[in-house]
Amino acid sequence: MSQVILLDAGPIGLITNPKLSVESFACTKWLQILVSSGSRVIIPEIADYEVRRELLRANKLKGITRLNDLTQLLEYLPITTTAMRQAALFWAQARQQGQPTTGDKTIDGDIILVAQAVTLAVSDIVIATTNVGHLSRFVSADLWQNIKTS
């Protein structure tokens, strides 16, 4: 069975950015290689939300179109009650250990992403991100550039 790759907001933002910077082009090419190799690549709903809200705020219509197209191309993982309850548990545990991932009054998108990954209950899963930090405390996460086809 191939590795399951969840996309964080960073790579999704690069892929949907209509201004083709060197990094966004490289990330798009990386995704194409993963998909053509048969890797299971998933867009978690929380990552879609984080990218979409910024595209809407900035009125970036091309980016929104590209995001919509991407959600049709790849598997989409809706937020479930199970994931939100797992996120609440992770959030509380991080604070009890004195290692919060964000401020106490914020909705913690990273923790929701981690919970979405964990509740998939697959053994070989990794979150592709631009910032490993908080994610790797709970689940396998790596910079998107480091994730190769299996």
Protein backbone atom coordinates (compact mmCIF):
# COMPACT_ATOMS: atom_id res chain seq x y z
CA MET A 1 0.00 0.00 0.00
CA SER A 2 1.32 3.45 -0.90
CA GLN A 3 1.91 6.32 1.45
CA VAL A 4 -0.99 8.64 2.22
CA ILE A 5 -0.09 12.33 1.92
CA LEU A 6 -2.23 15.05 3.46
CA LEU A 7 -1.58 18.53 2.11
CA ASP A 8 -1.25 21.36 4.61
CA ALA A 9 -2.25 24.91 3.69
CA GLY A 10 1.32 25.86 2.67
CA PRO A 11 1.63 23.48 -0.29
CA ILE A 12 -2.01 24.06 -1.28
CA GLY A 13 -1.34 27.80 -1.33
CA LEU A 14 1.71 27.28 -3.53
CA ILE A 15 -0.17 25.02 -5.94
CA THR A 16 -3.17 27.35 -6.26
CA ASN A 17 -1.10 30.53 -6.60
CA PRO A 18 -1.61 31.83 -10.15
CA LYS A 19 1.71 33.70 -9.98
CA LEU A 20 4.11 30.95 -10.91
CA SER A 21 7.09 31.56 -8.67
CA VAL A 22 9.93 29.07 -8.76
CA GLU A 23 8.63 27.50 -5.53
CA SER A 24 5.00 27.31 -6.64
CA PHE A 25 6.04 25.75 -9.97
CA ALA A 26 8.20 23.20 -8.12
CA CYS A 27 5.37 22.34 -5.73
CA THR A 28 2.91 21.90 -8.60
CA LYS A 29 5.37 19.62 -10.41
CA TRP A 30 5.90 17.64 -7.17
CA LEU A 31 2.15 17.11 -6.84
CA GLN A 32 1.87 16.00 -10.47
CA ILE A 33 4.58 13.39 -9.89
CA LEU A 34 2.81 12.10 -6.76
CA VAL A 35 -0.55 11.84 -8.51
CA SER A 36 0.87 10.19 -11.64
CA SER A 37 2.72 7.64 -9.48
CA GLY A 38 -0.55 6.61 -7.84
CA SER A 39 0.08 8.16 -4.43
CA ARG A 40 -2.99 8.86 -2.35
CA VAL A 41 -2.96 12.65 -1.91
CA ILE A 42 -5.65 14.23 0.25
CA ILE A 43 -6.86 17.77 0.85
CA PRO A 44 -8.08 18.04 4.45
CA GLU A 45 -11.05 20.38 4.83
CA ILE A 46 -9.26 22.50 7.45
CA ALA A 47 -6.40 23.20 4.99
CA ASP A 48 -8.90 24.07 2.25
CA TYR A 49 -10.55 26.49 4.70
CA GLU A 50 -7.26 28.18 5.61
CA VAL A 51 -6.29 28.75 1.97
CA ARG A 52 -9.80 29.61 0.76
CA ARG A 53 -10.45 32.26 3.42
CA GLU A 54 -7.31 34.15 2.40
CA LEU A 55 -8.08 33.87 -1.31
CA LEU A 56 -11.59 35.21 -0.65
CA ARG A 57 -10.29 38.03 1.56
CA ALA A 58 -7.84 39.11 -1.14
CA ASN A 59 -10.44 38.59 -3.89
CA LYS A 60 -8.08 36.28 -5.80
CA LEU A 61 -10.56 34.71 -8.21
CA LYS A 62 -7.98 32.74 -10.20
CA GLY A 63 -6.67 31.21 -6.98
CA ILE A 64 -10.19 30.24 -5.91
CA THR A 65 -10.79 28.60 -9.29
CA ARG A 66 -7.50 26.71 -9.00
CA LEU A 67 -8.41 25.60 -5.46
CA ASN A 68 -11.83 24.40 -6.62
CA ASP A 69 -10.18 22.49 -9.48
CA LEU A 70 -7.68 20.92 -7.07
CA THR A 71 -10.45 19.75 -4.72
CA GLN A 72 -12.04 17.97 -7.69
CA LEU A 73 -8.77 16.34 -8.74
CA LEU A 74 -7.69 15.02 -5.33
CA GLU A 75 -9.40 13.19 -2.50
CA TYR A 76 -11.12 15.58 -0.08
CA LEU A 77 -11.30 14.84 3.65
CA PRO A 78 -14.25 16.54 5.38
CA ILE A 79 -14.01 17.49 9.05
CA THR A 80 -15.91 14.98 11.18
CA THR A 81 -17.15 15.03 14.75
CA THR A 82 -14.58 12.34 15.55
CA ALA A 83 -11.77 14.53 14.21
CA MET A 84 -12.97 17.59 16.13
CA ARG A 85 -13.17 15.61 19.38
CA GLN A 86 -9.67 14.26 18.77
CA ALA A 87 -8.49 17.82 18.07
CA ALA A 88 -9.97 18.98 21.39
CA LEU A 89 -8.10 16.19 23.18
CA PHE A 90 -4.78 17.05 21.48
CA TRP A 91 -5.33 20.76 22.21
CA ALA A 92 -5.93 20.05 25.91
CA GLN A 93 -2.99 17.65 26.17
CA ALA A 94 -0.60 20.15 24.58
CA ARG A 95 -1.61 22.78 27.14
CA GLN A 96 -1.40 20.35 30.04
CA GLN A 97 2.17 19.58 28.93
CA GLY A 98 2.98 23.31 28.70
CA GLN A 99 3.45 23.11 24.91
CA PRO A 100 0.50 24.87 23.28
CA THR A 101 0.54 25.16 19.51
CA THR A 102 -1.28 28.51 19.48
CA GLY A 103 -3.00 31.01 21.80
CA ASP A 104 -5.74 29.80 24.15
CA LYS A 105 -8.51 31.78 22.43
CA THR A 106 -7.83 30.70 18.85
CA ILE A 107 -9.18 27.84 16.79
CA ASP A 108 -6.09 25.76 16.20
CA GLY A 109 -6.04 24.72 12.54
CA ASP A 110 -2.82 22.72 13.00
CA ILE A 111 -4.40 20.59 15.72
CA ILE A 112 -7.52 20.02 13.59
CA LEU A 113 -5.27 18.97 10.69
CA VAL A 114 -3.39 16.54 12.95
CA ALA A 115 -6.68 15.11 14.20
CA GLN A 116 -7.92 14.66 10.64
CA ALA A 117 -4.73 12.73 9.87
CA VAL A 118 -4.96 10.55 12.98
CA THR A 119 -8.64 9.71 12.52
CA LEU A 120 -7.94 8.37 9.02
CA ALA A 121 -6.36 5.42 10.87
CA VAL A 122 -3.85 4.51 8.17
CA SER A 123 -0.34 3.36 9.04
CA ASP A 124 1.77 5.17 6.44
CA ILE A 125 0.59 8.78 6.56
CA VAL A 126 2.50 12.04 6.36
CA ILE A 127 1.46 15.68 6.30
CA ALA A 128 3.17 17.64 3.54
CA THR A 129 3.81 21.14 4.85
CA THR A 130 5.97 24.23 4.67
CA ASN A 131 6.31 24.30 8.47
CA VAL A 132 6.86 21.00 10.28
CA GLY A 133 6.97 22.53 13.81
CA HIS A 134 3.78 21.79 15.72
CA LEU A 135 2.54 19.04 13.42
CA SER A 136 5.43 16.62 13.95
CA ARG A 137 4.74 16.49 17.69
CA PHE A 138 1.57 14.52 16.97
CA VAL A 139 1.90 12.83 13.56
CA SER A 140 4.46 12.28 10.81
CA ALA A 141 5.02 15.56 8.96
CA ASP A 142 7.71 16.74 6.60
CA LEU A 143 8.50 19.56 4.21
CA TRP A 144 6.72 18.84 0.94
CA GLN A 145 10.08 18.86 -0.91
CA ASN A 146 11.29 15.94 1.21
CA ILE A 147 8.35 13.66 0.45
CA LYS A 148 9.02 11.32 -2.45
CA THR A 149 6.85 8.72 -4.13
CA SER A 150 6.95 5.33 -2.46
